[in-house]
């Protein structure tokens, strides 16, 4: 009988522990919001972090965007050519990139390139007591360390999404024109005739949300690291996994919201 209750109760206890951690994360984020508007604003630190997380991730985003565009052109051409619908390829690739692929892929690249580094850096500062030293100097460590990083990811990711949109769509166009021998005027006309501002704006909006979420998760996990060098490694892994899963969950709810609003 005890084994039966243990079998039933173990998943429940684990779920409640996860809910407790989620509630702690929410309360932590609510405590950070007033700090955004509190002086000093540390604008220089924000731009330094934008350079680290944004420009530092651009090279990876550039490569992923190129090959994403090339693959889309090849695959959609194979499907659309069977129905004589190649003329709709341009717009289909455009909205698939701007609405879904650009914010998701740019977010994943930022997570793997920059958020992992952020969590490791903050985790190292925690286990080596550097954060405690900052607190002893009467400096708010959350304001000094976390706010610039979260603001930076919120700013940088939409910019990376825009870059991904341009690079990926350009590579798709060149692939369709030069390699697949499509009429470039027909390809571009489908985009011009059907394009709406919301096709671009929704992806940028997702970038803003994802940037805030992944920055918050990386900062939170790194800030609460414990357990020495092993704890830093675990925190880095946890930040990457949680941030990656979170943007996919957020993508579903944002896509449903845009659908309801007819954007």
Protein backbone atom coordinates (compact mmCIF):
# COMPACT_ATOMS: atom_id res chain seq x y z
CA UNK A 1 0.00 0.00 0.00
CA UNK A 2 2.83 2.39 0.83
CA UNK A 3 4.38 1.81 -2.57
CA UNK A 4 1.05 2.66 -4.23
CA UNK A 5 0.75 5.95 -2.33
CA UNK A 6 4.39 6.71 -3.11
CA UNK A 7 3.77 6.06 -6.81
CA UNK A 8 0.77 8.43 -6.78
CA UNK A 9 2.25 11.06 -4.50
CA UNK A 10 5.74 11.45 -5.95
CA UNK A 11 4.64 13.15 -9.21
CA UNK A 12 2.24 15.36 -7.24
CA UNK A 13 4.97 16.49 -4.85
CA UNK A 14 7.32 17.14 -7.76
CA UNK A 15 4.64 19.21 -9.50
CA UNK A 16 4.02 21.28 -6.37
CA UNK A 17 7.74 21.96 -6.05
CA UNK A 18 7.79 23.17 -9.66
CA UNK A 19 4.80 25.41 -8.95
CA UNK A 20 6.57 26.82 -5.90
CA UNK A 21 9.64 27.66 -8.01
CA UNK A 22 7.45 29.22 -10.69
CA UNK A 23 5.73 31.40 -8.08
CA UNK A 24 9.12 32.46 -6.71
CA UNK A 25 10.21 33.41 -10.23
CA UNK A 26 7.07 35.52 -10.77
CA UNK A 27 7.50 37.34 -7.45
CA UNK A 28 11.16 37.95 -8.27
CA UNK A 29 10.23 39.50 -11.62
CA UNK A 30 7.57 41.69 -10.01
CA UNK A 31 10.20 42.96 -7.58
CA UNK A 32 12.46 43.88 -10.51
CA UNK A 33 9.89 46.03 -12.34
CA UNK A 34 10.19 49.10 -10.02
CA UNK A 35 13.98 48.95 -10.38
CA UNK A 36 13.72 49.64 -14.12
CA UNK A 37 12.42 53.15 -13.38
CA UNK A 38 14.70 53.81 -10.41
CA UNK A 39 17.81 55.95 -10.79
CA UNK A 40 20.58 55.50 -11.73
CA UNK A 41 19.51 54.05 -15.08
CA UNK A 42 23.00 52.85 -16.09
CA UNK A 43 22.48 53.51 -19.82
CA UNK A 44 26.13 52.72 -20.57
CA UNK A 45 25.82 49.27 -19.04
CA UNK A 46 22.67 48.60 -21.07
CA UNK A 47 24.44 49.41 -24.34
CA UNK A 48 27.44 47.31 -23.30
CA UNK A 49 25.11 44.37 -22.72
CA UNK A 50 23.31 45.02 -26.03
CA UNK A 51 26.69 44.74 -27.73
CA UNK A 52 27.45 41.49 -25.92
CA UNK A 53 24.12 39.74 -26.43
CA UNK A 54 23.16 41.36 -29.74
CA UNK A 55 26.30 41.84 -31.81
CA UNK A 56 27.81 38.75 -30.23
CA UNK A 57 24.89 36.67 -31.52
CA UNK A 58 24.65 38.28 -34.97
CA UNK A 59 27.22 36.01 -36.63
CA UNK A 60 25.31 32.86 -35.66
CA UNK A 61 21.98 34.44 -36.64
CA UNK A 62 23.47 35.43 -40.02
CA UNK A 63 24.48 31.86 -40.85
CA UNK A 64 21.22 30.33 -39.62
CA UNK A 65 19.16 32.90 -41.55
CA UNK A 66 21.00 32.21 -44.82
CA UNK A 67 20.52 28.46 -44.72
CA UNK A 68 16.97 28.72 -43.42
CA UNK A 69 16.09 30.82 -46.46
CA UNK A 70 17.83 28.45 -48.85
CA UNK A 71 16.08 25.40 -47.42
CA UNK A 72 12.68 27.08 -47.49
CA UNK A 73 13.07 27.96 -51.17
CA UNK A 74 14.04 24.40 -52.12
CA UNK A 75 11.33 22.68 -50.09
CA UNK A 76 8.48 25.00 -51.01
CA UNK A 77 9.43 24.89 -54.67
CA UNK A 78 9.17 21.10 -54.62
CA UNK A 79 5.68 21.29 -53.12
CA UNK A 80 4.27 24.32 -54.96
CA UNK A 81 5.54 23.24 -58.39
CA UNK A 82 3.33 20.14 -58.24
CA UNK A 83 0.26 22.39 -58.20
CA UNK A 84 1.59 25.12 -60.48
CA UNK A 85 1.52 27.56 -57.55
CA UNK A 86 5.12 28.78 -57.64
CA UNK A 87 3.84 32.34 -57.85
CA UNK A 88 2.79 32.21 -54.19
CA UNK A 89 6.18 31.04 -52.96
CA UNK A 90 7.50 34.53 -52.23
CA UNK A 91 4.73 35.57 -49.88
CA UNK A 92 4.50 32.16 -48.22
CA UNK A 93 8.21 32.16 -47.41
CA UNK A 94 8.01 35.80 -46.31
CA UNK A 95 5.24 35.32 -43.73
CA UNK A 96 6.64 32.00 -42.51
CA UNK A 97 9.94 33.74 -41.81
CA UNK A 98 8.69 37.01 -40.35
CA UNK A 99 5.85 35.60 -38.24
CA UNK A 100 7.38 32.39 -36.89
CA UNK A 101 10.87 31.33 -37.92
CA UNK A 102 12.75 34.59 -37.36
CA UNK A 103 11.69 35.21 -33.73
CA UNK A 104 12.03 31.54 -32.77
CA UNK A 105 15.41 30.90 -34.43
CA UNK A 106 16.87 34.25 -33.39
CA UNK A 107 15.70 33.58 -29.83
CA UNK A 108 17.25 30.11 -29.79
CA UNK A 109 20.54 31.45 -31.12
CA UNK A 110 20.59 34.16 -28.46
CA UNK A 111 19.90 31.54 -25.80
CA UNK A 112 22.69 29.25 -26.94
CA UNK A 113 25.19 32.05 -27.54
CA UNK A 114 24.46 34.68 -24.90
CA UNK A 115 21.95 33.53 -22.26
CA UNK A 116 24.08 30.52 -21.37
CA UNK A 117 27.03 32.88 -20.92
CA UNK A 118 24.91 35.26 -18.84
CA UNK A 119 23.78 32.50 -16.49
CA UNK A 120 27.33 31.20 -16.14
CA UNK A 121 28.73 34.67 -15.44
CA UNK A 122 26.13 35.51 -12.80
CA UNK A 123 26.40 32.04 -11.32
CA UNK A 124 30.17 32.39 -10.98
CA UNK A 125 29.72 35.77 -9.32
CA UNK A 126 27.27 34.21 -6.87
CA UNK A 127 29.35 31.20 -5.86
CA UNK A 128 32.54 33.31 -5.54
CA UNK A 129 30.59 35.78 -3.32
CA UNK A 130 31.13 38.73 -5.66
CA UNK A 131 27.40 39.52 -5.50
CA UNK A 132 27.57 39.51 -1.70
CA UNK A 133 30.50 41.92 -1.92
CA UNK A 134 28.45 44.27 -4.11
CA UNK A 135 25.64 44.20 -1.55
CA UNK A 136 28.05 45.10 1.27
CA UNK A 137 28.92 48.29 -0.66
CA UNK A 138 25.26 49.35 -0.36
CA UNK A 139 24.70 48.74 -4.08
CA UNK A 140 21.53 46.97 -5.15
CA UNK A 141 22.92 43.93 -6.97
CA UNK A 142 19.65 43.32 -8.84
CA UNK A 143 19.61 46.86 -10.18
CA UNK A 144 23.32 46.78 -10.99
CA UNK A 145 23.60 43.30 -12.51
CA UNK A 146 20.20 42.10 -13.69
CA UNK A 147 18.26 45.12 -15.01
CA UNK A 148 20.83 46.10 -17.71
CA UNK A 149 20.97 42.51 -18.93
CA UNK A 150 17.20 42.07 -19.13
CA UNK A 151 16.72 45.42 -20.89
CA UNK A 152 19.54 44.54 -23.31
CA UNK A 153 18.00 41.21 -24.36
CA UNK A 154 14.60 42.90 -24.76
CA UNK A 155 16.16 45.48 -27.11
CA UNK A 156 18.60 43.22 -28.94
CA UNK A 157 16.32 40.32 -29.91
CA UNK A 158 13.84 42.38 -32.02
CA UNK A 159 16.84 43.84 -33.87
CA UNK A 160 18.13 40.34 -34.54
CA UNK A 161 14.65 39.34 -35.74
CA UNK A 162 14.68 42.19 -38.28
CA UNK A 163 18.14 41.13 -39.46
CA UNK A 164 17.00 37.51 -39.73
CA UNK A 165 13.94 38.58 -41.77
CA UNK A 166 16.05 40.46 -44.29
CA UNK A 167 18.85 37.90 -44.64
CA UNK A 168 16.59 34.86 -44.82
CA UNK A 169 14.17 36.35 -47.35
CA UNK A 170 17.04 37.62 -49.50
CA UNK A 171 18.67 34.18 -49.58
CA UNK A 172 15.31 32.59 -50.48
CA UNK A 173 14.83 35.07 -53.31
CA UNK A 174 18.32 34.48 -54.71
CA UNK A 175 17.89 30.72 -54.46
CA UNK A 176 14.54 30.82 -56.27
CA UNK A 177 15.85 33.18 -58.97
CA UNK A 178 19.36 31.92 -59.67
CA UNK A 179 19.20 28.21 -58.83
CA UNK A 180 15.55 27.27 -59.29
CA UNK A 181 15.15 29.55 -62.33
CA UNK A 182 11.98 31.27 -61.11
CA UNK A 183 10.79 34.58 -62.51
CA UNK A 184 12.03 37.17 -59.96
CA UNK A 185 9.23 39.63 -60.82
CA UNK A 186 6.55 37.03 -60.09
CA UNK A 187 8.29 36.12 -56.83
CA UNK A 188 8.39 39.72 -55.63
CA UNK A 189 4.92 40.64 -56.88
CA UNK A 190 3.28 38.09 -54.60
CA UNK A 191 4.95 39.79 -51.63
CA UNK A 192 4.03 43.31 -52.76
CA UNK A 193 0.38 42.44 -53.39
CA UNK A 194 -0.29 40.46 -50.20
CA UNK A 195 2.09 42.02 -47.68
CA UNK A 196 0.62 43.65 -44.56
CA UNK A 197 2.51 45.54 -41.89
CA UNK A 198 1.25 43.01 -39.34
CA UNK A 199 3.25 40.30 -41.13
CA UNK A 200 6.41 42.07 -39.98
CA UNK A 201 5.13 43.67 -36.79
CA UNK A 202 3.92 40.44 -35.20
CA UNK A 203 7.38 38.88 -35.47
CA UNK A 204 9.04 41.95 -33.99
CA UNK A 205 6.47 41.92 -31.17
CA UNK A 206 7.31 38.30 -30.47
CA UNK A 207 10.97 39.27 -30.40
CA UNK A 208 10.28 41.82 -27.68
CA UNK A 209 8.43 39.27 -25.55
CA UNK A 210 10.99 36.51 -26.11
CA UNK A 211 13.85 38.90 -25.38
CA UNK A 212 12.34 39.82 -22.03
CA UNK A 213 11.53 36.21 -21.14
CA UNK A 214 14.91 34.70 -21.95
CA UNK A 215 16.78 37.59 -20.34
CA UNK A 216 14.69 37.24 -17.18
CA UNK A 217 15.20 33.48 -17.02
CA UNK A 218 18.95 33.70 -17.61
CA UNK A 219 19.31 36.42 -14.98
CA UNK A 220 17.11 34.65 -12.43
CA UNK A 221 18.78 31.25 -12.77
CA UNK A 222 22.30 32.69 -12.71
CA UNK A 223 21.54 34.98 -9.76
CA UNK A 224 20.23 32.08 -7.65
CA UNK A 225 23.08 29.67 -8.38
CA UNK A 226 24.49 27.62 -5.54
CA UNK A 227 26.77 24.63 -5.15
CA UNK A 228 30.12 25.84 -6.44
CA UNK A 229 31.48 25.00 -9.88
CA UNK A 230 29.03 22.14 -10.34
CA UNK A 231 26.16 24.48 -9.54
CA UNK A 232 27.33 26.93 -12.21
CA UNK A 233 27.25 24.17 -14.81
CA UNK A 234 23.79 23.05 -13.72
CA UNK A 235 22.50 26.62 -13.75
CA UNK A 236 23.81 27.18 -17.27
CA UNK A 237 22.09 24.03 -18.52
CA UNK A 238 18.88 24.90 -16.66
CA UNK A 239 18.80 28.43 -18.08
CA UNK A 240 19.19 27.16 -21.66
CA UNK A 241 16.52 24.48 -21.31
CA UNK A 242 13.99 26.66 -19.50
CA UNK A 243 14.44 29.62 -21.86
CA UNK A 244 14.15 27.40 -24.96
CA UNK A 245 10.98 25.70 -23.76
CA UNK A 246 9.51 29.00 -22.60
CA UNK A 247 9.73 30.70 -25.99
CA UNK A 248 7.96 27.78 -27.66
CA UNK A 249 5.16 27.96 -25.10
CA UNK A 250 4.99 31.74 -25.47
CA UNK A 251 4.93 31.36 -29.25
CA UNK A 252 1.77 29.27 -29.06
CA UNK A 253 -0.09 31.77 -26.87
CA UNK A 254 1.09 34.78 -28.87
CA UNK A 255 0.10 33.13 -32.15
CA UNK A 256 -3.35 32.37 -30.73
CA UNK A 257 -3.67 35.96 -29.54
CA UNK A 258 -2.71 37.34 -32.95
CA UNK A 259 -5.24 34.99 -34.54
CA UNK A 260 -8.04 36.20 -32.27
CA UNK A 261 -7.09 39.82 -32.95
CA UNK A 262 -6.90 39.09 -36.70
CA UNK A 263 -3.36 40.44 -36.95
